[in-house]
Amino acid sequence: MTAFGLTDDVGRTTERLYRRLRRAGGADYPTFDHVSFYRRGPNLFIVGQPYCLDEEKLRQWCERHKASYTIIHEWAHYYPGYATCFYVEFTPSVATPRYL
């Protein structure tokens, strides 16, 4: 994901946020398949490549958690043409210690 200026989250802060949100998400949690965790500056990124993405569910989930998302079809590599690649971005104001 270096094309987007993302670096691996070696401290695993993003993964902890992901696991915490996933446990709290219930049935409305959007599909995150083949996930990877990154950072760009202070922002945290979860990259997913699900085989079936409900974009409306992802949009609602991101809105509820004050995150943004970007769909990047051309970067899908798990199953090109079928899997959808997207990333969700959390700013420091959202990724507070209550989630980590």
Protein backbone atom coordinates (compact mmCIF):
# COMPACT_ATOMS: atom_id res chain seq x y z
CA MET A 1 0.00 0.00 0.00
CA THR A 2 3.00 2.25 -0.38
CA ALA A 3 1.26 3.83 -3.39
CA PHE A 4 -1.08 5.47 -0.88
CA GLY A 5 1.71 6.44 1.50
CA LEU A 6 0.73 3.75 3.99
CA THR A 7 3.26 1.93 6.13
CA ASP A 8 2.84 -1.27 8.14
CA ASP A 9 1.50 -0.67 11.63
CA VAL A 10 4.33 -2.39 13.47
CA GLY A 11 2.94 -1.36 16.87
CA ARG A 12 -0.34 -3.16 16.04
CA THR A 13 -2.46 -0.21 17.20
CA THR A 14 -4.70 -0.52 14.15
CA GLU A 15 -5.19 -4.23 14.70
CA ARG A 16 -6.20 -3.64 18.33
CA LEU A 17 -8.72 -1.03 17.17
CA TYR A 18 -10.06 -3.45 14.54
CA ARG A 19 -10.47 -6.30 17.04
CA ARG A 20 -12.15 -4.04 19.59
CA LEU A 21 -14.61 -2.67 17.02
CA ARG A 22 -15.27 -6.12 15.62
CA ARG A 23 -16.19 -7.48 19.06
CA ALA A 24 -18.52 -4.53 19.64
CA GLY A 25 -19.95 -4.49 16.10
CA GLY A 26 -22.59 -7.19 16.24
CA ALA A 27 -24.56 -8.10 13.14
CA ASP A 28 -24.09 -4.68 11.53
CA TYR A 29 -20.33 -5.11 11.24
CA PRO A 30 -19.38 -4.91 7.55
CA THR A 31 -17.43 -7.71 5.95
CA PHE A 32 -13.70 -7.29 6.39
CA ASP A 33 -11.96 -10.19 4.64
CA HIS A 34 -8.22 -10.46 4.04
CA VAL A 35 -7.45 -7.53 6.33
CA SER A 36 -4.19 -5.65 6.67
CA PHE A 37 -3.29 -2.84 9.05
CA TYR A 38 -1.42 0.35 8.22
CA ARG A 39 -0.64 3.88 9.30
CA ARG A 40 -0.06 7.18 7.57
CA GLY A 41 1.19 9.70 10.06
CA PRO A 42 -1.17 9.57 13.03
CA ASN A 43 -4.04 8.04 11.04
CA LEU A 44 -4.91 4.35 11.21
CA PHE A 45 -6.01 2.30 8.18
CA ILE A 46 -7.75 -1.05 7.87
CA VAL A 47 -7.57 -2.51 4.37
CA GLY A 48 -10.05 -5.21 3.45
CA GLN A 49 -10.70 -7.34 0.38
CA PRO A 50 -14.02 -9.12 0.88
CA TYR A 51 -15.54 -11.34 -1.78
CA CYS A 52 -18.90 -9.66 -1.30
CA LEU A 53 -19.04 -6.08 -0.04
CA ASP A 54 -22.24 -4.39 1.02
CA GLU A 55 -21.13 -0.82 0.43
CA GLU A 56 -24.18 0.66 2.11
CA LYS A 57 -23.47 -1.31 5.29
CA LEU A 58 -19.84 -0.16 5.17
CA ARG A 59 -20.93 3.47 4.67
CA GLN A 60 -23.30 3.32 7.65
CA TRP A 61 -20.71 1.64 9.84
CA CYS A 62 -18.07 4.24 8.95
CA GLU A 63 -20.52 7.04 9.59
CA ARG A 64 -21.37 5.63 13.02
CA HIS A 65 -17.67 5.30 13.94
CA LYS A 66 -16.67 8.64 12.36
CA ALA A 67 -14.35 6.95 9.90
CA SER A 68 -14.02 7.41 6.17
CA TYR A 69 -13.65 4.76 3.51
CA THR A 70 -12.35 4.55 -0.04
CA ILE A 71 -13.02 1.74 -2.49
CA ILE A 72 -10.04 0.95 -4.71
CA HIS A 73 -11.13 -1.85 -7.07
CA GLU A 74 -7.95 -1.69 -9.13
CA TRP A 75 -5.83 -2.68 -6.10
CA ALA A 76 -7.69 -5.91 -5.29
CA HIS A 77 -5.27 -8.82 -5.58
CA TYR A 78 -6.87 -11.71 -3.65
CA TYR A 79 -9.41 -12.38 -6.40
CA PRO A 80 -9.22 -9.61 -9.02
CA GLY A 81 -12.52 -8.88 -10.70
CA TYR A 82 -14.48 -10.41 -7.83
CA ALA A 83 -13.06 -9.22 -4.51
CA THR A 84 -13.36 -5.54 -3.69
CA CYS A 85 -10.47 -3.69 -2.12
CA PHE A 86 -11.19 -0.80 0.24
CA TYR A 87 -9.62 0.99 3.13
CA VAL A 88 -11.14 2.58 6.20
CA GLU A 89 -9.33 5.54 7.74
CA PHE A 90 -9.49 6.62 11.37
CA THR A 91 -8.11 9.97 12.47
CA PRO A 92 -6.53 10.41 15.91
CA SER A 93 -9.68 12.08 17.22
CA VAL A 94 -11.62 8.86 16.53
CA ALA A 95 -8.98 6.27 17.43
CA THR A 96 -9.02 7.21 21.10
CA PRO A 97 -7.78 4.99 23.93
CA ARG A 98 -11.36 3.85 24.62
CA TYR A 99 -11.08 1.77 21.44
CA LEU A 100 -7.50 0.57 21.92
